[in-house]
């Protein structure tokens, strides 16, 4: 197991090195030589410089704050509403079409209205993140509750469990994998929406820094911010996967994944 992990990480690191090498080659002597694309060395040099500036860390915190707070609110509200919908077949069927209609609509479409009402603030970013994650969490939570094994619920009833006990000890544990998957998928979405809130809505964070760097024409720093966003995305994705495995380690679907 340990050797396979080392091999997996080694192959991943090799892929990163090859990608950076291809970037450096393309920007120096390759087809993109002489284009506005900076070399990998220039971009990483600008990245290391940004890491020493407090402005970059403040912008990163603003982005993480908006993404995390919006995701937490969306998770709490989405799970509550999803459970309420899932326990009622009538509500499940009545809301299926509206929820599926709303799910693919990006929160960016309401950005002008939100900026007009809330202004280019962190609250605007939090609201957009909430809107970007809420519907998908409701859909998954309601599906998890609705798809609970009817035999398990009938067994609980035969033992005299109340509806509240069945909900707390049978239905909710059964739906947790659905909810965990929804939150894991929503986490990168929350980060993307938080960046867009600054890039297009003028809110604080890395999106605003990216926009200002683009306007100033600093190509190296622009790509350095892109690298920061990519690294932050990897961290968010890794933490969400780790948290899902740890919190649901007791479930048969995750037992073999926990090391």
Protein backbone atom coordinates (compact mmCIF):
# COMPACT_ATOMS: atom_id res chain seq x y z
CA UNK A 1 0.00 0.00 0.00
CA UNK A 2 2.77 2.43 0.97
CA UNK A 3 4.78 1.61 -2.17
CA UNK A 4 1.73 2.19 -4.36
CA UNK A 5 1.19 5.56 -2.69
CA UNK A 6 4.80 6.56 -3.30
CA UNK A 7 4.51 5.46 -6.93
CA UNK A 8 1.26 7.42 -7.31
CA UNK A 9 2.80 10.60 -5.89
CA UNK A 10 5.94 10.10 -7.96
CA UNK A 11 3.97 9.83 -11.19
CA UNK A 12 1.97 12.91 -10.20
CA UNK A 13 5.15 14.89 -9.53
CA UNK A 14 6.58 13.75 -12.86
CA UNK A 15 3.46 15.01 -14.61
CA UNK A 16 3.89 18.42 -12.98
CA UNK A 17 7.54 18.60 -14.02
CA UNK A 18 6.71 17.65 -17.60
CA UNK A 19 3.92 20.24 -17.76
CA UNK A 20 6.21 23.02 -16.46
CA UNK A 21 8.94 21.90 -18.87
CA UNK A 22 6.51 22.01 -21.80
CA UNK A 23 5.43 25.50 -20.74
CA UNK A 24 9.04 26.69 -20.54
CA UNK A 25 9.88 25.19 -23.92
CA UNK A 26 6.80 26.64 -25.63
CA UNK A 27 7.47 30.14 -24.26
CA UNK A 28 11.20 30.21 -25.07
CA UNK A 29 11.95 28.35 -28.31
CA UNK A 30 8.59 26.77 -29.06
CA UNK A 31 5.55 28.01 -31.00
CA UNK A 32 4.71 30.64 -28.35
CA UNK A 33 8.17 32.22 -28.23
CA UNK A 34 7.87 35.98 -28.50
CA UNK A 35 4.19 35.92 -27.53
CA UNK A 36 2.76 37.63 -24.42
CA UNK A 37 3.02 34.31 -22.60
CA UNK A 38 5.79 34.58 -19.96
CA UNK A 39 8.13 31.69 -19.38
CA UNK A 40 7.57 29.32 -16.51
CA UNK A 41 10.68 30.67 -14.81
CA UNK A 42 9.39 34.25 -14.98
CA UNK A 43 5.96 33.24 -13.65
CA UNK A 44 7.41 31.27 -10.74
CA UNK A 45 9.80 34.11 -9.94
CA UNK A 46 6.83 36.48 -9.75
CA UNK A 47 5.00 33.92 -7.63
CA UNK A 48 7.81 33.78 -5.07
CA UNK A 49 7.81 37.58 -4.95
CA UNK A 50 4.04 37.67 -4.36
CA UNK A 51 4.42 35.26 -1.47
CA UNK A 52 6.41 37.92 0.37
CA UNK A 53 3.74 40.62 -0.02
CA UNK A 54 0.98 41.07 2.60
CA UNK A 55 -1.47 42.18 -0.12
CA UNK A 56 -1.45 38.71 -1.66
CA UNK A 57 -2.17 37.02 1.67
CA UNK A 58 -4.98 39.47 2.45
CA UNK A 59 -6.53 38.81 -0.96
CA UNK A 60 -6.18 35.05 -0.45
CA UNK A 61 -7.87 35.27 2.94
CA UNK A 62 -10.73 37.33 1.50
CA UNK A 63 -11.30 34.72 -1.20
CA UNK A 64 -11.13 31.78 1.23
CA UNK A 65 -13.44 33.60 3.67
CA UNK A 66 -16.11 34.22 1.04
CA UNK A 67 -15.89 30.68 -0.32
CA UNK A 68 -15.91 28.99 3.09
CA UNK A 69 -18.68 31.07 4.67
CA UNK A 70 -20.89 30.79 1.60
CA UNK A 71 -20.32 27.03 1.46
CA UNK A 72 -21.12 26.57 5.16
CA UNK A 73 -24.37 28.53 4.88
CA UNK A 74 -25.33 26.69 1.69
CA UNK A 75 -24.59 23.32 3.32
CA UNK A 76 -26.63 24.05 6.45
CA UNK A 77 -29.61 25.47 4.55
CA UNK A 78 -29.36 22.93 1.73
CA UNK A 79 -29.29 19.92 4.04
CA UNK A 80 -32.24 21.19 6.09
CA UNK A 81 -34.34 21.87 3.01
CA UNK A 82 -33.18 18.68 1.29
CA UNK A 83 -34.16 16.53 4.27
CA UNK A 84 -37.54 18.25 4.44
CA UNK A 85 -38.13 17.53 0.76
CA UNK A 86 -36.78 13.98 0.83
CA UNK A 87 -39.03 12.73 3.64
CA UNK A 88 -42.13 13.61 1.63
CA UNK A 89 -42.69 11.84 -1.71
CA UNK A 90 -45.16 14.58 -2.65
CA UNK A 91 -42.60 17.35 -2.00
CA UNK A 92 -39.90 15.31 -3.75
CA UNK A 93 -41.87 14.99 -6.97
CA UNK A 94 -43.24 18.54 -6.77
CA UNK A 95 -39.78 20.14 -6.48
CA UNK A 96 -37.81 17.87 -8.81
CA UNK A 97 -38.40 19.87 -11.99
CA UNK A 98 -37.82 23.33 -10.44
CA UNK A 99 -34.61 22.19 -8.73
CA UNK A 100 -33.26 20.50 -11.84
CA UNK A 101 -34.11 23.66 -13.78
CA UNK A 102 -32.22 25.88 -11.32
CA UNK A 103 -29.21 23.59 -10.84
CA UNK A 104 -27.33 24.34 -14.11
CA UNK A 105 -27.94 28.11 -13.95
CA UNK A 106 -24.66 29.77 -12.91
CA UNK A 107 -24.81 32.40 -10.16
CA UNK A 108 -22.98 34.79 -12.48
CA UNK A 109 -26.28 35.60 -14.21
CA UNK A 110 -27.52 37.43 -11.12
CA UNK A 111 -24.19 39.16 -10.49
CA UNK A 112 -25.29 42.61 -11.78
CA UNK A 113 -28.35 42.61 -9.52
CA UNK A 114 -26.40 41.39 -6.49
CA UNK A 115 -23.68 44.01 -7.02
CA UNK A 116 -26.36 46.67 -7.36
CA UNK A 117 -27.99 45.63 -4.08
CA UNK A 118 -25.00 44.62 -1.93
CA UNK A 119 -22.22 46.50 -3.68
CA UNK A 120 -18.70 45.17 -4.39
CA UNK A 121 -18.32 43.73 -0.90
CA UNK A 122 -17.44 40.44 0.74
CA UNK A 123 -21.13 39.97 1.50
CA UNK A 124 -21.82 40.03 -2.22
CA UNK A 125 -19.25 37.26 -2.73
CA UNK A 126 -20.68 35.17 0.10
CA UNK A 127 -24.18 35.45 -1.36
CA UNK A 128 -23.00 34.41 -4.82
CA UNK A 129 -21.16 31.41 -3.37
CA UNK A 130 -24.32 30.47 -1.47
CA UNK A 131 -26.37 30.65 -4.66
CA UNK A 132 -23.79 28.62 -6.56
CA UNK A 133 -23.76 25.74 -4.06
CA UNK A 134 -27.21 25.71 -2.45
CA UNK A 135 -29.33 24.06 -5.15
CA UNK A 136 -26.95 21.16 -5.84
CA UNK A 137 -26.72 20.38 -2.12
CA UNK A 138 -30.53 20.43 -1.81
CA UNK A 139 -30.84 18.04 -4.76
CA UNK A 140 -28.29 15.58 -3.36
CA UNK A 141 -29.58 15.71 0.20
CA UNK A 142 -33.19 15.15 -0.87
CA UNK A 143 -32.13 12.28 -3.14
CA UNK A 144 -30.19 10.65 -0.32
CA UNK A 145 -33.13 10.85 2.06
CA UNK A 146 -35.63 9.71 -0.56
CA UNK A 147 -33.49 6.73 -1.62
CA UNK A 148 -33.12 5.33 1.90
CA UNK A 149 -33.66 1.56 1.93
CA UNK A 150 -37.37 1.03 2.68
CA UNK A 151 -36.55 -2.30 4.33
CA UNK A 152 -34.34 -0.51 6.86
CA UNK A 153 -37.12 1.98 7.64
CA UNK A 154 -39.67 -0.81 7.93
CA UNK A 155 -37.35 -2.68 10.30
CA UNK A 156 -37.09 0.41 12.49
CA UNK A 157 -40.85 0.74 12.56
CA UNK A 158 -41.22 -2.93 13.51
CA UNK A 159 -38.98 -2.31 16.51
CA UNK A 160 -41.21 0.55 17.61
CA UNK A 161 -38.92 3.44 16.70
CA UNK A 162 -40.55 6.82 16.36
CA UNK A 163 -40.42 8.81 13.14
CA UNK A 164 -37.80 11.11 14.68
CA UNK A 165 -35.65 8.12 15.69
CA UNK A 166 -35.93 6.59 12.24
CA UNK A 167 -34.93 9.90 10.70
CA UNK A 168 -31.96 10.37 13.02
CA UNK A 169 -30.66 6.79 13.17
CA UNK A 170 -31.57 5.36 9.74
CA UNK A 171 -32.46 8.00 7.17
CA UNK A 172 -29.78 10.63 7.89
CA UNK A 173 -26.85 8.16 8.14
CA UNK A 174 -28.00 6.58 4.88
CA UNK A 175 -28.06 9.97 3.14
CA UNK A 176 -24.69 11.20 4.43
CA UNK A 177 -22.70 9.83 1.44
CA UNK A 178 -24.96 11.85 -0.88
CA UNK A 179 -24.45 14.96 1.23
CA UNK A 180 -20.70 14.37 1.49
CA UNK A 181 -20.41 14.06 -2.28
CA UNK A 182 -22.45 17.24 -2.76
CA UNK A 183 -20.22 19.24 -0.41
CA UNK A 184 -17.04 17.83 -1.98
CA UNK A 185 -18.21 18.85 -5.45
CA UNK A 186 -19.45 22.22 -4.19
CA UNK A 187 -16.14 23.14 -2.51
CA UNK A 188 -14.22 23.91 -5.74
CA UNK A 189 -17.33 25.61 -7.09
CA UNK A 190 -17.37 27.89 -4.04
CA UNK A 191 -13.77 28.89 -4.71
CA UNK A 192 -14.47 29.59 -8.38
CA UNK A 193 -17.51 31.74 -7.60
CA UNK A 194 -15.56 33.67 -4.93
CA UNK A 195 -12.87 34.47 -7.50
CA UNK A 196 -15.46 35.48 -10.11
CA UNK A 197 -17.10 37.77 -7.54
CA UNK A 198 -13.88 39.77 -7.43
CA UNK A 199 -12.97 39.44 -11.08
CA UNK A 200 -16.31 40.59 -12.51
CA UNK A 201 -18.10 42.05 -9.51
CA UNK A 202 -15.31 44.12 -8.01
CA UNK A 203 -15.40 42.31 -4.67
CA UNK A 204 -12.28 41.78 -2.56
CA UNK A 205 -9.99 38.82 -3.04
CA UNK A 206 -7.80 37.17 -5.63
CA UNK A 207 -10.25 37.88 -8.44
CA UNK A 208 -9.86 41.62 -7.92
CA UNK A 209 -6.07 41.26 -7.71
CA UNK A 210 -6.12 39.29 -10.94
CA UNK A 211 -8.17 41.99 -12.66
CA UNK A 212 -5.92 44.83 -11.46
CA UNK A 213 -2.82 42.94 -12.57
CA UNK A 214 -4.34 42.36 -16.01
CA UNK A 215 -5.17 46.06 -16.33
CA UNK A 216 -1.63 47.04 -15.35
CA UNK A 217 -0.22 44.72 -18.03
CA UNK A 218 2.08 42.80 -15.67
CA UNK A 219 2.09 39.45 -17.49
CA UNK A 220 4.42 37.66 -15.08
CA UNK A 221 2.39 38.64 -12.03
CA UNK A 222 -0.84 37.77 -13.85
CA UNK A 223 0.31 34.20 -14.40
CA UNK A 224 1.65 34.10 -10.85
CA UNK A 225 -1.87 34.78 -9.61
CA UNK A 226 -3.13 32.02 -11.92
CA UNK A 227 -0.63 29.65 -10.29
CA UNK A 228 -1.80 30.73 -6.83
CA UNK A 229 -5.40 30.02 -7.78
CA UNK A 230 -4.44 26.62 -9.15
CA UNK A 231 -2.54 25.70 -5.98
CA UNK A 232 -5.43 26.94 -3.84
CA UNK A 233 -7.84 24.84 -5.90
CA UNK A 234 -5.72 21.73 -5.33
CA UNK A 235 -5.67 22.40 -1.59
CA UNK A 236 -9.44 22.88 -1.45
CA UNK A 237 -10.07 19.72 -3.47
CA UNK A 238 -7.65 17.69 -1.36
CA UNK A 239 -9.10 18.91 1.94
CA UNK A 240 -12.67 18.24 0.82
CA UNK A 241 -11.79 14.68 -0.23
CA UNK A 242 -9.88 14.06 3.00
CA UNK A 243 -12.72 15.44 5.11
CA UNK A 244 -15.29 13.32 3.28
CA UNK A 245 -13.27 10.14 3.83
CA UNK A 246 -12.63 10.88 7.50
CA UNK A 247 -16.14 11.92 8.44
CA UNK A 248 -17.68 8.94 6.64
CA UNK A 249 -15.02 6.36 7.50
CA UNK A 250 -17.68 4.16 9.10
CA UNK A 251 -19.68 3.83 5.88
CA UNK A 252 -18.95 0.71 3.74
CA UNK A 253 -18.39 2.91 0.70
CA UNK A 254 -15.41 4.63 2.38
CA UNK A 255 -13.85 1.97 4.62
CA UNK A 256 -11.36 0.79 2.00
CA UNK A 257 -10.33 4.35 1.16
CA UNK A 258 -9.26 5.36 4.69
CA UNK A 259 -5.59 4.75 5.40
